[in-house]
Amino acid sequence: MGPSLDVTFIREAYQMRRLVEINAVPDLLGRLGEGDVSEWIDWHIGAGAMLPHEDGSDLSEFLRDVQPFD
């Protein structure tokens, strides 16, 4: 039995979003200043440092904090 229509739609929508985002990055970087890009890089490094490094950690607080930036 194959995946339901809902699962297929969600998977395809996610893949389409990923393609759009990946293709938007070079264009966006070409229009942004170096300071903006540096700030984004620093933010992502900081967010990575906030991740719990223990297996089985509860990520709900971390995900709630970074979700507004998605």
C-alpha atoms as a PDB file:
ATOM      1  CA  MET A   1       0.000   0.000   0.000  1.00  0.00           C
ATOM      2  CA  GLY A   2       1.449   3.386  -1.008  1.00  0.00           C
ATOM      3  CA  PRO A   3       1.390   6.597   0.990  1.00  0.00           C
ATOM      4  CA  SER A   4      -1.877   8.435   1.268  1.00  0.00           C
ATOM      5  CA  LEU A   5      -2.578  11.497  -0.824  1.00  0.00           C
ATOM      6  CA  ASP A   6      -2.037  13.704   2.248  1.00  0.00           C
ATOM      7  CA  VAL A   7       1.422  12.279   2.911  1.00  0.00           C
ATOM      8  CA  THR A   8       2.385  12.600  -0.744  1.00  0.00           C
ATOM      9  CA  PHE A   9       1.157  16.212  -0.867  1.00  0.00           C
ATOM     10  CA  ILE A  10       3.085  17.142   2.284  1.00  0.00           C
ATOM     11  CA  ARG A  11       6.248  15.462   1.025  1.00  0.00           C
ATOM     12  CA  GLU A  12       6.017  17.197  -2.353  1.00  0.00           C
ATOM     13  CA  ALA A  13       5.226  20.571  -0.745  1.00  0.00           C
ATOM     14  CA  TYR A  14       8.256  20.210   1.530  1.00  0.00           C
ATOM     15  CA  GLN A  15      10.482  19.302  -1.414  1.00  0.00           C
ATOM     16  CA  MET A  16       9.191  22.293  -3.402  1.00  0.00           C
ATOM     17  CA  ARG A  17       9.844  24.635  -0.466  1.00  0.00           C
ATOM     18  CA  ARG A  18      13.358  23.252  -0.143  1.00  0.00           C
ATOM     19  CA  LEU A  19      14.060  23.827  -3.847  1.00  0.00           C
ATOM     20  CA  VAL A  20      12.755  27.388  -3.677  1.00  0.00           C
ATOM     21  CA  GLU A  21      14.797  28.175  -0.570  1.00  0.00           C
ATOM     22  CA  ILE A  22      17.997  26.629  -1.930  1.00  0.00           C
ATOM     23  CA  ASN A  23      17.663  28.558  -5.187  1.00  0.00           C
ATOM     24  CA  ALA A  24      16.854  31.805  -3.372  1.00  0.00           C
ATOM     25  CA  VAL A  25      20.065  31.808  -1.320  1.00  0.00           C
ATOM     26  CA  PRO A  26      22.520  32.810  -4.100  1.00  0.00           C
ATOM     27  CA  ASP A  27      20.174  35.565  -5.275  1.00  0.00           C
ATOM     28  CA  LEU A  28      19.664  36.857  -1.753  1.00  0.00           C
ATOM     29  CA  LEU A  29      23.377  36.813  -0.951  1.00  0.00           C
ATOM     30  CA  GLY A  30      24.020  38.860  -4.070  1.00  0.00           C
ATOM     31  CA  ARG A  31      21.664  41.585  -2.835  1.00  0.00           C
ATOM     32  CA  LEU A  32      22.580  41.659   0.851  1.00  0.00           C
ATOM     33  CA  GLY A  33      25.484  43.502   2.333  1.00  0.00           C
ATOM     34  CA  GLU A  34      28.395  41.656   3.925  1.00  0.00           C
ATOM     35  CA  GLY A  35      27.309  42.878   7.363  1.00  0.00           C
ATOM     36  CA  ASP A  36      23.891  41.246   7.016  1.00  0.00           C
ATOM     37  CA  VAL A  37      25.406  37.960   5.893  1.00  0.00           C
ATOM     38  CA  SER A  38      27.932  38.048   8.757  1.00  0.00           C
ATOM     39  CA  GLU A  39      25.122  38.635  11.262  1.00  0.00           C
ATOM     40  CA  TRP A  40      23.185  35.654   9.897  1.00  0.00           C
ATOM     41  CA  ILE A  41      26.247  33.429  10.078  1.00  0.00           C
ATOM     42  CA  ASP A  42      26.943  34.539  13.657  1.00  0.00           C
ATOM     43  CA  TRP A  43      23.296  33.938  14.611  1.00  0.00           C
ATOM     44  CA  HIS A  44      23.410  30.390  13.240  1.00  0.00           C
ATOM     45  CA  ILE A  45      26.688  29.650  15.019  1.00  0.00           C
ATOM     46  CA  GLY A  46      25.138  30.916  18.252  1.00  0.00           C
ATOM     47  CA  ALA A  47      21.995  28.857  17.723  1.00  0.00           C
ATOM     48  CA  GLY A  48      24.137  25.769  17.121  1.00  0.00           C
ATOM     49  CA  ALA A  49      25.984  26.418  20.375  1.00  0.00           C
ATOM     50  CA  MET A  50      22.631  26.519  22.250  1.00  0.00           C
ATOM     51  CA  LEU A  51      21.698  23.026  21.068  1.00  0.00           C
ATOM     52  CA  PRO A  52      21.783  20.399  23.807  1.00  0.00           C
ATOM     53  CA  HIS A  53      24.612  17.984  23.093  1.00  0.00           C
ATOM     54  CA  GLU A  54      23.214  15.028  25.000  1.00  0.00           C
ATOM     55  CA  ASP A  55      21.501  12.128  23.273  1.00  0.00           C
ATOM     56  CA  GLY A  56      17.788  12.103  23.978  1.00  0.00           C
ATOM     57  CA  SER A  57      17.736  15.761  25.038  1.00  0.00           C
ATOM     58  CA  ASP A  58      14.425  17.571  25.018  1.00  0.00           C
ATOM     59  CA  LEU A  59      14.669  20.041  22.137  1.00  0.00           C
ATOM     60  CA  SER A  60      11.255  21.624  22.647  1.00  0.00           C
ATOM     61  CA  GLU A  61      12.595  24.780  24.356  1.00  0.00           C
ATOM     62  CA  PHE A  62      15.303  25.248  21.732  1.00  0.00           C
ATOM     63  CA  LEU A  63      12.837  24.717  18.882  1.00  0.00           C
ATOM     64  CA  ARG A  64      10.351  27.150  20.428  1.00  0.00           C
ATOM     65  CA  ASP A  65      13.106  29.794  20.668  1.00  0.00           C
ATOM     66  CA  VAL A  66      14.302  29.460  17.056  1.00  0.00           C
ATOM     67  CA  GLN A  67      10.934  28.845  15.357  1.00  0.00           C
ATOM     68  CA  PRO A  68      10.143  32.578  14.897  1.00  0.00           C
ATOM     69  CA  PHE A  69      13.282  32.885  12.776  1.00  0.00           C
ATOM     70  CA  ASP A  70      12.285  30.128  10.323  1.00  0.00           C
END
